[in-house]
N, C-alpha and C. Protein backbone atom coordinates (compact mmCIF):
# COMPACT_ATOMS: atom_id res chain seq x y z
N ARG A 1 98.85 236.86 24.16
CA ARG A 1 97.50 236.41 23.22
C ARG A 1 97.90 236.80 21.65
N GLN A 2 96.83 235.97 21.40
CA GLN A 2 96.81 236.25 19.86
C GLN A 2 95.60 236.74 19.54
N PRO A 3 95.02 237.21 18.50
CA PRO A 3 93.65 237.53 18.04
C PRO A 3 93.12 236.32 17.53
N PRO A 4 91.66 236.25 17.78
CA PRO A 4 90.86 234.95 17.18
C PRO A 4 91.15 234.88 15.94
N MET A 5 91.42 233.11 15.82
CA MET A 5 91.62 232.68 14.39
C MET A 5 90.99 233.41 13.15
N THR A 6 91.63 233.83 12.08
CA THR A 6 91.11 234.57 10.99
C THR A 6 90.38 233.58 10.01
N ALA A 7 89.47 233.91 9.90
CA ALA A 7 88.57 233.31 8.55
C ALA A 7 88.88 233.42 7.45
N VAL A 8 88.85 232.12 6.22
CA VAL A 8 89.54 232.17 5.00
C VAL A 8 88.37 232.43 4.41
N HIS A 9 88.62 233.48 3.20
CA HIS A 9 87.20 234.33 2.50
C HIS A 9 88.01 233.88 1.01
N LEU A 10 86.97 233.68 0.18
CA LEU A 10 87.39 233.18 -1.09
C LEU A 10 88.27 234.33 -2.31
N LEU A 11 89.13 233.89 -2.59
CA LEU A 11 90.10 235.14 -3.57
C LEU A 11 89.31 234.73 -4.80
N ALA A 12 88.52 235.03 -5.92
CA ALA A 12 87.63 234.58 -6.89
C ALA A 12 88.17 235.20 -8.02
N THR A 13 87.85 234.45 -8.98
CA THR A 13 88.24 234.79 -10.25
C THR A 13 87.55 236.08 -10.70
N GLN A 14 86.35 236.19 -10.12
CA GLN A 14 85.50 237.06 -11.38
C GLN A 14 84.58 238.08 -9.83
N ARG A 15 84.35 239.29 -9.99
CA ARG A 15 84.00 240.21 -9.32
C ARG A 15 82.37 239.50 -9.03
N PRO A 16 81.83 239.49 -7.64
CA PRO A 16 80.68 239.01 -7.36
C PRO A 16 79.85 240.35 -7.88
N GLN A 17 78.30 239.83 -8.12
CA GLN A 17 77.22 240.57 -8.10
C GLN A 17 76.93 241.56 -7.43
N LYS A 18 76.89 240.99 -6.28
CA LYS A 18 76.40 242.11 -5.27
C LYS A 18 77.62 242.67 -4.51
N VAL A 19 77.58 243.88 -3.90
CA VAL A 19 78.63 244.52 -3.27
C VAL A 19 78.73 244.05 -1.56
N GLY A 20 79.74 243.54 -1.57
CA GLY A 20 80.07 242.99 0.02
C GLY A 20 81.33 243.50 0.40
N PHE A 21 81.50 243.08 1.75
CA PHE A 21 82.44 243.56 2.27
C PHE A 21 83.13 242.71 3.41
N VAL A 22 84.47 242.80 3.74
CA VAL A 22 84.68 242.12 5.00
C VAL A 22 85.05 242.79 5.90
N HIS A 23 84.88 242.85 7.29
CA HIS A 23 85.00 244.00 8.43
C HIS A 23 86.23 243.62 9.13
N GLN A 24 87.11 244.44 9.51
CA GLN A 24 88.46 244.33 10.31
C GLN A 24 88.56 245.43 11.09
N SER A 25 89.19 244.94 12.53
CA SER A 25 89.18 245.75 13.76
C SER A 25 90.59 245.48 14.33
N VAL A 26 91.30 246.64 14.40
CA VAL A 26 92.77 246.64 15.38
C VAL A 26 92.57 247.54 16.19
N ASN A 27 93.06 247.18 17.63
CA ASN A 27 93.08 247.81 18.59
C ASN A 27 94.71 248.00 18.87
N PHE A 28 95.24 249.05 18.79
CA PHE A 28 96.72 249.26 18.59
C PHE A 28 97.19 249.31 20.55
N ALA A 29 95.98 250.08 20.99
CA ALA A 29 96.15 250.42 22.72
C ALA A 29 96.19 249.03 23.28
N ASP A 30 95.88 247.75 22.51
CA ASP A 30 95.70 246.83 23.53
C ASP A 30 97.27 246.25 23.31
N ARG A 31 97.84 246.27 24.19
CA ARG A 31 99.69 245.75 24.04
C ARG A 31 99.69 244.24 24.82
N SER A 32 98.32 243.62 25.00
CA SER A 32 98.48 241.94 25.31
C SER A 32 99.37 241.17 24.27
N ASP A 33 99.87 241.67 23.49
CA ASP A 33 100.38 240.72 22.31
C ASP A 33 101.74 241.08 21.76
N ALA A 34 102.74 242.36 22.87
CA ALA A 34 103.55 242.85 22.51
C ALA A 34 104.82 241.61 22.11
N ASP A 35 104.47 240.53 22.52
CA ASP A 35 105.84 239.89 22.35
C ASP A 35 105.86 239.11 21.24
N TRP A 36 104.32 239.19 20.27
CA TRP A 36 104.39 238.27 19.29
C TRP A 36 105.19 238.71 18.17
N THR A 37 105.80 237.71 17.51
CA THR A 37 106.63 237.82 16.41
C THR A 37 106.21 236.77 14.97
N PRO A 38 106.50 237.47 13.83
CA PRO A 38 106.12 236.31 12.58
C PRO A 38 106.95 235.00 12.66
N PRO A 39 106.33 233.85 12.29
CA PRO A 39 107.23 232.90 12.12
C PRO A 39 108.26 232.99 10.61
N SER A 40 109.40 232.47 10.92
CA SER A 40 110.34 232.45 10.16
C SER A 40 110.55 231.46 8.93
N GLU A 41 109.54 230.30 9.28
CA GLU A 41 109.58 228.92 8.46
C GLU A 41 109.24 229.51 7.11
N VAL A 42 109.95 228.73 5.92
CA VAL A 42 109.28 228.83 4.76
C VAL A 42 108.45 228.23 4.61
N ARG A 43 108.46 226.58 5.07
CA ARG A 43 106.59 226.01 4.89
C ARG A 43 106.55 225.51 6.19
N THR A 44 105.31 225.49 6.42
CA THR A 44 104.46 225.37 7.53
C THR A 44 103.39 224.84 7.69
N THR A 45 102.93 224.40 8.79
CA THR A 45 101.61 223.77 9.02
C THR A 45 100.55 224.82 8.70
N SER A 46 100.95 226.19 9.02
CA SER A 46 99.51 227.03 9.16
C SER A 46 100.36 228.74 8.72
N ILE A 47 99.32 229.40 8.23
CA ILE A 47 100.28 230.93 8.29
C ILE A 47 99.73 231.87 9.48
N PRO A 48 100.72 232.95 9.10
CA PRO A 48 100.36 233.96 10.43
C PRO A 48 99.23 234.80 10.18
N THR A 49 98.10 234.89 11.07
CA THR A 49 96.83 235.39 10.96
C THR A 49 96.78 236.58 11.81
N HIS A 50 97.76 237.19 12.20
CA HIS A 50 97.98 238.30 13.37
C HIS A 50 97.23 239.14 12.69
N TYR A 51 96.34 239.77 13.30
CA TYR A 51 95.62 241.11 12.64
C TYR A 51 95.41 241.08 10.89
N SER A 52 95.01 239.98 10.45
CA SER A 52 94.96 239.97 8.79
C SER A 52 93.73 239.32 8.62
N VAL A 53 93.77 239.38 7.36
CA VAL A 53 92.19 239.35 6.61
C VAL A 53 93.14 238.04 5.48
N VAL A 54 92.67 236.82 5.47
CA VAL A 54 92.72 235.72 4.41
C VAL A 54 92.08 235.33 3.27
N PHE A 55 92.76 235.20 1.97
CA PHE A 55 92.12 235.10 0.87
C PHE A 55 92.39 233.79 0.40
N ALA A 56 91.98 232.93 -0.03
CA ALA A 56 92.28 231.84 -0.84
C ALA A 56 91.48 231.55 -2.05
N SER A 57 92.29 230.84 -3.03
CA SER A 57 91.55 230.60 -4.17
C SER A 57 91.00 229.13 -4.07
N ALA A 58 90.36 228.84 -5.14
CA ALA A 58 89.71 227.49 -5.56
C ALA A 58 90.95 226.53 -6.05
N PRO A 59 91.25 225.49 -5.43
CA PRO A 59 91.99 224.79 -5.97
C PRO A 59 92.31 224.65 -7.47
N PHE A 60 93.88 224.93 -7.72
CA PHE A 60 94.09 224.55 -9.05
C PHE A 60 93.48 223.43 -10.12
N GLN A 61 92.53 223.27 -10.86
CA GLN A 61 92.48 222.25 -11.37
C GLN A 61 93.39 221.40 -12.60
N GLN A 62 94.57 222.16 -12.94
CA GLN A 62 95.59 221.54 -13.33
C GLN A 62 97.26 222.74 -13.08
N PRO A 63 98.21 221.84 -13.12
CA PRO A 63 99.24 222.96 -12.82
C PRO A 63 99.50 223.95 -13.50
N ALA A 64 100.07 225.27 -13.09
CA ALA A 64 99.93 226.54 -14.04
C ALA A 64 100.93 227.31 -13.01
N GLU A 65 101.46 228.19 -13.88
CA GLU A 65 103.27 228.70 -13.39
C GLU A 65 102.73 230.31 -12.95
N LEU A 66 103.08 230.97 -12.05
CA LEU A 66 102.68 232.10 -11.41
C LEU A 66 104.12 232.40 -11.54
N SER A 67 104.18 233.60 -12.35
CA SER A 67 105.63 234.44 -12.50
C SER A 67 105.70 235.85 -12.72
N GLY A 68 106.42 236.46 -12.06
CA GLY A 68 106.64 237.93 -12.32
C GLY A 68 106.52 238.95 -11.06
N LEU A 69 106.04 240.02 -11.31
CA LEU A 69 105.60 240.90 -10.46
C LEU A 69 104.12 241.11 -10.53
N PHE A 70 103.37 241.10 -9.09
CA PHE A 70 102.09 241.40 -9.09
C PHE A 70 101.43 242.61 -8.53
N SER A 71 100.45 243.06 -8.83
CA SER A 71 99.73 244.17 -8.42
C SER A 71 98.03 243.87 -8.17
N GLY A 72 97.81 245.13 -7.93
CA GLY A 72 96.35 245.18 -7.77
C GLY A 72 95.89 246.78 -7.09
N GLN A 73 94.74 246.19 -6.46
CA GLN A 73 93.86 247.67 -6.01
C GLN A 73 92.95 247.10 -4.93
N LEU A 74 93.16 247.93 -3.66
CA LEU A 74 92.06 247.88 -2.60
C LEU A 74 91.30 248.70 -2.11
N ASP A 75 90.20 248.27 -2.24
CA ASP A 75 88.91 249.08 -2.39
C ASP A 75 88.72 249.42 -0.67
N LEU A 76 88.43 250.17 -0.14
CA LEU A 76 88.17 250.12 1.55
C LEU A 76 87.54 251.47 1.72
N LEU A 77 87.35 251.03 3.36
CA LEU A 77 86.84 252.15 3.95
C LEU A 77 87.37 252.45 5.29
N LEU A 78 87.73 253.48 5.75
CA LEU A 78 88.32 253.01 7.42
C LEU A 78 87.66 254.41 8.27
N ASN A 79 88.23 254.30 9.41
CA ASN A 79 88.24 255.29 10.36
C ASN A 79 89.04 256.04 10.76
N LYS A 80 90.08 255.93 10.09
CA LYS A 80 91.39 257.01 10.29
C LYS A 80 91.88 257.25 9.10
N ALA A 81 93.08 258.07 9.54
CA ALA A 81 93.98 258.94 8.24
C ALA A 81 94.92 257.83 7.51
N ASP A 82 95.24 256.82 8.05
CA ASP A 82 96.70 256.20 7.43
C ASP A 82 96.63 254.67 8.12
N LEU A 83 97.05 253.74 7.67
CA LEU A 83 97.60 252.89 7.77
C LEU A 83 98.66 251.56 7.36
N ASP A 84 98.97 251.10 7.95
CA ASP A 84 100.44 250.15 7.41
C ASP A 84 100.04 248.94 7.11
N LEU A 85 100.03 248.21 6.21
CA LEU A 85 99.77 247.19 5.47
C LEU A 85 100.90 246.24 4.86
N THR A 86 100.66 244.72 4.91
CA THR A 86 101.66 243.84 3.93
C THR A 86 100.64 242.68 3.62
N LEU A 87 100.97 242.85 2.48
CA LEU A 87 100.44 241.59 1.54
C LEU A 87 101.30 240.86 1.01
N SER A 88 101.13 239.65 1.51
CA SER A 88 101.82 238.12 1.53
C SER A 88 101.06 237.26 0.69
N LEU A 89 102.11 236.26 -0.18
CA LEU A 89 101.26 235.28 -0.63
C LEU A 89 101.81 234.19 -0.30
N TYR A 90 101.09 232.86 -0.31
CA TYR A 90 101.54 231.49 -0.05
C TYR A 90 100.95 230.57 -0.89
N GLU A 91 101.42 229.43 -1.18
CA GLU A 91 100.89 228.31 -1.86
C GLU A 91 100.30 227.39 -0.67
N ARG A 92 99.33 227.37 -0.98
CA ARG A 92 98.43 226.11 0.13
C ARG A 92 98.74 224.60 -0.93
N LEU A 93 99.63 223.86 -0.53
CA LEU A 93 99.67 222.73 -1.18
C LEU A 93 98.63 221.40 -1.03
N PRO A 94 98.59 220.64 -1.76
CA PRO A 94 97.74 219.48 -1.50
C PRO A 94 97.36 218.90 -0.45
N ASP A 95 98.77 218.68 0.57
CA ASP A 95 98.66 218.20 1.68
C ASP A 95 98.30 218.94 2.98
N GLY A 96 97.73 220.30 2.71
CA GLY A 96 97.26 221.02 3.46
C GLY A 96 98.32 221.83 4.05
N SER A 97 99.53 222.15 3.68
CA SER A 97 100.93 222.77 4.45
C SER A 97 100.95 223.98 3.52
N TYR A 98 101.69 225.12 4.14
CA TYR A 98 101.98 226.26 3.21
C TYR A 98 103.44 226.78 2.68
N LEU A 99 103.37 227.11 1.55
CA LEU A 99 104.70 227.30 1.53
C LEU A 99 104.82 229.01 0.92
N LYS A 100 105.68 229.93 1.66
CA LYS A 100 105.93 231.19 1.51
C LYS A 100 106.38 231.52 0.17
N LEU A 101 105.89 232.05 -0.48
CA LEU A 101 106.39 232.30 -1.80
C LEU A 101 107.38 233.68 -1.46
N PHE A 102 107.43 234.45 -0.94
CA PHE A 102 107.63 235.38 -0.60
C PHE A 102 107.30 236.39 0.81
N ASP A 103 107.97 236.90 1.61
CA ASP A 103 106.97 237.73 2.69
C ASP A 103 108.29 238.49 3.41
N PRO A 104 107.96 239.81 3.34
CA PRO A 104 106.45 240.52 2.56
C PRO A 104 106.59 240.69 1.61
N ALA A 105 105.56 240.31 0.91
CA ALA A 105 105.71 240.73 -0.79
C ALA A 105 105.30 241.97 -1.04
N VAL A 106 104.56 243.09 -0.25
CA VAL A 106 104.23 244.14 -0.47
C VAL A 106 104.25 244.98 1.01
N GLU A 107 104.97 245.91 1.42
CA GLU A 107 104.62 246.64 2.13
C GLU A 107 103.95 247.81 1.80
N LEU A 108 102.82 248.49 2.42
CA LEU A 108 102.30 249.49 2.31
C LEU A 108 101.88 250.37 2.97
N ARG A 109 102.17 251.82 3.30
CA ARG A 109 102.03 252.73 3.89
C ARG A 109 100.93 253.70 3.14
N ALA A 110 99.63 253.59 3.54
CA ALA A 110 98.40 253.75 2.64
C ALA A 110 98.93 255.31 2.39
N SER A 111 99.29 256.13 2.96
CA SER A 111 99.21 257.70 2.88
C SER A 111 100.36 258.18 1.99
N TYR A 112 100.89 256.89 1.49
CA TYR A 112 102.02 257.16 0.06
C TYR A 112 101.99 256.11 -0.82
N ALA A 113 100.40 255.57 -1.15
CA ALA A 113 100.19 254.55 -2.11
C ALA A 113 100.40 255.32 -3.27
N ARG A 114 99.87 256.76 -3.65
CA ARG A 114 99.89 257.39 -4.35
C ARG A 114 101.02 258.16 -5.08
N ASP A 115 102.00 258.31 -4.05
CA ASP A 115 102.74 259.26 -4.40
C ASP A 115 103.96 259.10 -3.15
N ARG A 116 105.16 258.04 -3.60
CA ARG A 116 106.35 257.54 -2.52
C ARG A 116 107.03 258.75 -2.01
N SER A 117 106.94 260.03 -2.83
CA SER A 117 107.55 261.02 -2.02
C SER A 117 106.87 262.17 -1.43
N HIS A 118 105.45 262.20 -1.38
CA HIS A 118 104.50 263.16 -1.10
C HIS A 118 103.53 262.37 0.33
N ARG A 119 103.09 262.47 1.42
CA ARG A 119 102.33 262.06 2.29
C ARG A 119 100.99 262.73 1.70
N ARG A 120 100.01 261.47 1.68
CA ARG A 120 98.73 262.24 1.44
C ARG A 120 97.69 261.28 2.28
N PRO A 121 97.40 261.78 3.45
CA PRO A 121 96.71 260.97 4.63
C PRO A 121 95.06 260.73 3.82
N LEU A 122 94.64 259.31 4.17
CA LEU A 122 93.24 259.62 3.41
C LEU A 122 92.14 260.26 4.08
N THR A 123 90.95 259.75 3.72
CA THR A 123 89.84 260.79 4.25
C THR A 123 88.81 259.50 4.83
N ARG A 124 88.93 260.02 6.21
CA ARG A 124 87.97 259.10 7.43
C ARG A 124 86.96 258.70 6.98
N GLY A 125 86.11 257.77 7.23
CA GLY A 125 84.43 257.44 6.29
C GLY A 125 84.33 257.47 5.34
N ALA A 126 85.53 257.59 4.22
CA ALA A 126 85.18 257.86 2.69
C ALA A 126 85.68 256.80 1.93
N ARG A 127 84.93 255.78 1.04
CA ARG A 127 85.44 254.49 0.48
C ARG A 127 86.26 255.01 -0.40
N GLN A 128 87.51 254.65 -0.73
CA GLN A 128 88.29 254.92 -1.76
C GLN A 128 89.41 253.96 -1.78
N GLN A 129 90.24 253.65 -3.32
CA GLN A 129 90.91 252.68 -3.59
C GLN A 129 92.59 253.18 -3.44
N LEU A 130 93.16 251.92 -3.12
CA LEU A 130 94.79 252.36 -3.01
C LEU A 130 95.28 251.10 -3.73
N GLU A 131 96.14 251.43 -4.96
CA GLU A 131 96.66 250.36 -5.76
C GLU A 131 97.83 250.08 -5.44
N PHE A 132 98.47 249.27 -5.53
CA PHE A 132 99.83 248.53 -4.97
C PHE A 132 100.52 247.72 -6.21
N HIS A 133 101.62 247.62 -6.02
CA HIS A 133 102.79 247.13 -6.92
C HIS A 133 103.97 246.11 -6.28
N SER A 134 104.05 245.01 -6.57
CA SER A 134 105.21 244.31 -5.77
C SER A 134 106.81 245.00 -6.38
N ASP A 135 107.64 244.94 -5.82
CA ASP A 135 108.79 245.46 -6.26
C ASP A 135 109.89 244.06 -6.79
N ARG A 136 109.64 243.00 -6.35
CA ARG A 136 110.38 241.95 -6.49
C ARG A 136 109.63 240.76 -7.25
N LEU A 137 110.66 240.40 -8.22
CA LEU A 137 109.79 238.98 -8.76
C LEU A 137 109.59 237.83 -8.26
N PHE A 138 108.59 237.04 -8.68
CA PHE A 138 108.67 235.11 -8.16
C PHE A 138 108.64 234.72 -9.10
N SER A 139 108.37 233.52 -9.13
CA SER A 139 108.12 232.10 -9.87
C SER A 139 107.57 231.10 -9.24
N ARG A 140 106.79 230.32 -9.43
CA ARG A 140 106.63 229.30 -8.85
C ARG A 140 105.36 228.85 -9.61
N ARG A 141 105.94 227.01 -9.77
CA ARG A 141 104.74 226.11 -10.47
C ARG A 141 103.71 225.49 -9.76
N PHE A 142 102.42 225.86 -9.31
CA PHE A 142 101.58 225.15 -8.75
C PHE A 142 101.15 224.03 -9.04
N ALA A 143 101.25 223.25 -8.29
CA ALA A 143 100.78 221.94 -8.52
C ALA A 143 99.13 221.55 -8.68
N ALA A 144 98.41 220.82 -9.57
CA ALA A 144 97.23 220.59 -9.43
C ALA A 144 96.88 220.24 -7.66
N GLY A 145 95.61 221.01 -7.63
CA GLY A 145 94.96 221.08 -6.26
C GLY A 145 95.68 222.24 -5.32
N SER A 146 96.65 222.82 -5.42
CA SER A 146 97.07 223.86 -4.89
C SER A 146 96.18 225.01 -5.08
N ARG A 147 96.33 225.60 -3.83
CA ARG A 147 95.45 227.34 -3.84
C ARG A 147 96.95 228.15 -3.46
N LEU A 148 96.13 229.31 -4.14
CA LEU A 148 96.98 230.71 -3.97
C LEU A 148 96.17 231.31 -2.48
N VAL A 149 97.40 231.78 -1.94
CA VAL A 149 96.60 232.38 -0.60
C VAL A 149 97.28 233.67 -0.42
N LEU A 150 96.57 234.57 -0.12
CA LEU A 150 96.61 236.24 0.02
C LEU A 150 96.56 236.58 1.43
N VAL A 151 97.17 236.78 2.53
CA VAL A 151 97.50 237.32 3.57
C VAL A 151 97.41 238.98 3.68
N LEU A 152 96.40 239.61 3.82
CA LEU A 152 96.28 240.92 3.75
C LEU A 152 96.53 241.44 5.59
N SER A 153 97.77 241.94 6.09
CA SER A 153 97.73 242.11 7.52
C SER A 153 98.10 243.68 7.70
N VAL A 154 97.58 243.99 8.77
CA VAL A 154 97.72 245.26 9.32
C VAL A 154 98.96 245.27 10.52
N ASN A 155 100.06 246.12 10.18
CA ASN A 155 101.16 246.19 11.07
C ASN A 155 100.81 246.17 12.43
N LYS A 156 101.17 245.63 13.25
CA LYS A 156 101.12 245.49 14.65
C LYS A 156 102.37 244.99 15.36
N ARG A 157 103.29 245.00 14.61
CA ARG A 157 104.66 243.97 14.69
C ARG A 157 105.34 244.94 15.92
N PRO A 158 105.56 244.25 16.98
CA PRO A 158 106.65 245.17 18.33
C PRO A 158 107.65 245.71 17.50
N ASP A 159 108.55 245.12 16.69
CA ASP A 159 109.59 245.35 16.51
C ASP A 159 109.47 246.31 15.44
N GLN A 160 108.38 246.58 14.79
CA GLN A 160 108.80 247.70 13.77
C GLN A 160 107.61 248.95 14.10
N GLU A 161 107.83 250.25 13.58
CA GLU A 161 107.11 251.51 13.86
C GLU A 161 105.68 251.24 13.51
N LEU A 162 105.00 251.88 14.74
CA LEU A 162 103.28 251.28 14.23
C LEU A 162 102.46 252.95 13.74
N ASN A 163 101.93 252.73 12.76
CA ASN A 163 101.08 253.82 12.15
C ASN A 163 100.28 254.01 13.15
N TYR A 164 99.47 254.61 13.77
CA TYR A 164 98.34 255.05 14.67
C TYR A 164 97.06 255.60 13.87
N GLY A 165 97.39 256.18 12.39
CA GLY A 165 96.49 255.99 11.59
C GLY A 165 96.22 257.93 12.01
N SER A 166 96.86 258.95 12.83
CA SER A 166 96.25 259.99 12.99
C SER A 166 96.85 261.04 11.49
N ASP A 167 96.75 262.25 11.83
CA ASP A 167 96.93 263.24 10.48
C ASP A 167 97.82 263.78 10.70
N GLN A 168 98.67 263.43 11.69
CA GLN A 168 100.45 263.73 11.56
C GLN A 168 101.18 262.79 11.27
N PRO A 169 102.51 262.98 11.17
CA PRO A 169 103.58 261.77 10.55
C PRO A 169 103.52 261.07 11.84
N VAL A 170 103.80 259.44 11.06
CA VAL A 170 103.81 258.53 12.30
C VAL A 170 104.70 258.59 13.16
N SER A 171 106.10 259.38 12.93
CA SER A 171 107.32 259.57 13.74
C SER A 171 106.54 260.66 14.93
N ALA A 172 105.84 261.38 14.66
CA ALA A 172 105.39 262.25 15.80
C ALA A 172 104.14 261.97 16.52
N GLU A 173 103.81 260.51 16.32
CA GLU A 173 102.24 259.86 16.95
C GLU A 173 102.90 259.70 18.43
N SER A 174 101.99 259.63 19.10
CA SER A 174 101.93 258.95 20.63
C SER A 174 101.09 257.44 20.82
N ILE A 175 100.98 256.88 22.02
CA ILE A 175 100.13 256.13 21.99
C ILE A 175 98.91 256.51 22.11
N ALA A 176 98.77 258.05 22.69
CA ALA A 176 97.36 258.53 22.39
C ALA A 176 96.55 258.10 21.00
N ASP A 177 97.33 258.38 20.07
CA ASP A 177 96.60 258.50 19.14
C ASP A 177 96.29 257.21 18.70
N ALA A 178 96.56 256.02 19.60
CA ALA A 178 95.84 254.82 19.33
C ALA A 178 94.54 254.62 19.46
N LYS A 179 93.76 255.65 20.06
CA LYS A 179 92.29 255.35 20.37
C LYS A 179 91.61 256.37 19.26
N PRO A 180 90.42 255.94 18.58
CA PRO A 180 89.87 254.41 18.83
C PRO A 180 90.26 253.47 18.28
N PRO A 181 89.97 252.37 18.16
CA PRO A 181 90.79 251.57 17.46
C PRO A 181 90.23 251.50 16.00
N LEU A 182 91.35 251.05 14.87
CA LEU A 182 91.17 251.18 13.80
C LEU A 182 90.08 250.20 12.84
N THR A 183 89.04 250.58 12.31
CA THR A 183 88.05 249.80 11.73
C THR A 183 88.16 249.95 10.31
N ILE A 184 88.05 248.97 9.82
CA ILE A 184 88.36 248.89 8.03
C ILE A 184 86.98 247.83 7.24
N ARG A 185 86.77 248.15 6.40
CA ARG A 185 85.90 247.61 5.62
C ARG A 185 86.46 247.37 4.21
N TRP A 186 87.10 246.03 3.79
CA TRP A 186 87.36 245.74 2.56
C TRP A 186 86.61 245.21 1.49
N TYR A 187 85.97 245.98 0.78
CA TYR A 187 85.18 245.42 -0.61
C TYR A 187 85.59 244.54 -1.28
N ASP A 188 84.55 243.87 -1.67
CA ASP A 188 85.01 242.84 -2.57
C ASP A 188 85.54 242.99 -4.27
N SER A 189 85.19 244.54 -4.06
CA SER A 189 85.85 245.07 -5.41
C SER A 189 87.14 245.28 -5.39
N SER A 190 88.11 244.76 -4.39
CA SER A 190 89.16 244.82 -4.38
C SER A 190 90.12 243.78 -5.50
N TYR A 191 91.13 243.57 -5.76
CA TYR A 191 91.63 242.38 -6.43
C TYR A 191 93.38 242.37 -6.68
N ILE A 192 93.79 241.48 -6.86
CA ILE A 192 95.33 241.36 -7.05
C ILE A 192 95.36 240.49 -8.53
N ASP A 193 96.38 240.90 -9.11
CA ASP A 193 96.43 240.73 -10.51
C ASP A 193 98.00 239.82 -10.56
N VAL A 194 97.74 238.71 -10.99
CA VAL A 194 99.03 237.83 -10.67
C VAL A 194 99.41 237.06 -12.28
N PRO A 195 100.52 237.34 -12.78
CA PRO A 195 101.04 236.84 -14.15
C PRO A 195 100.83 235.34 -13.81
N ALA A 196 100.23 234.77 -14.60
CA ALA A 196 100.04 233.21 -14.53
C ALA A 196 100.02 232.60 -16.07
N GLU A 197 100.53 231.45 -16.08
CA GLU A 197 100.23 230.61 -17.38
C GLU A 197 100.05 228.84 -16.98
N SER A 198 99.28 228.25 -17.98
CA SER A 198 99.30 227.00 -18.06
C SER A 198 100.88 226.23 -18.42
N PRO A 199 101.52 225.64 -17.94
CA PRO A 199 102.58 225.20 -18.55
C PRO A 199 102.55 224.21 -19.51
N ALA A 200 103.63 223.90 -20.63
CA ALA A 200 103.26 222.87 -21.59
C ALA A 200 103.38 221.42 -20.90
N PRO A 201 102.38 220.57 -21.48
CA PRO A 201 102.54 219.14 -20.95
C PRO A 201 103.92 218.72 -21.12
N ALA A 202 104.28 218.02 -20.48
CA ALA A 202 105.58 217.36 -20.25
C ALA A 202 105.65 215.98 -21.52
N HIS A 203 106.76 215.69 -22.26
CA HIS A 203 107.05 214.70 -23.14
C HIS A 203 107.84 213.64 -22.41
């Protein structure tokens, strides 16, 4: 069984004047989706939205080249001490299909976001910020009318180690740590920084 279809939120170029957030909930104790696996196709008619929040930019008014490493910051509040995230980028083409730029773009265990050599559990119930940086380059010329799509996913894959968000190391957790469900507020002051430039006109 799949979770309900994810709504698409605006990936805006400017921060909203009023504070807002997107709410997300993940029930790790629910095993009804244990046979789910992400699609492997590079170009598809839909994107995987399994326990994800999806953001899409407005259509590009002219061709633009996105190239390099991307980074950003997540502003969030959650009820657990840890979570595993994947941030993936897609191009939504003018015909409505999706091109995977690469996936996963960033895999992030929140407790190691500040220091990859030391685990620092998050503070439950407190608003906090997590910085992220991609480790691989990508380059793509977007056509006019295309959109940049960011898929922010909580890892609940049956073929990977699950992080239930307790205070202890993930390898020591059990299904008992899956309760209560993970709840997250993604604040709209979160951002992603993607190097972009408009290519010179062809002659």
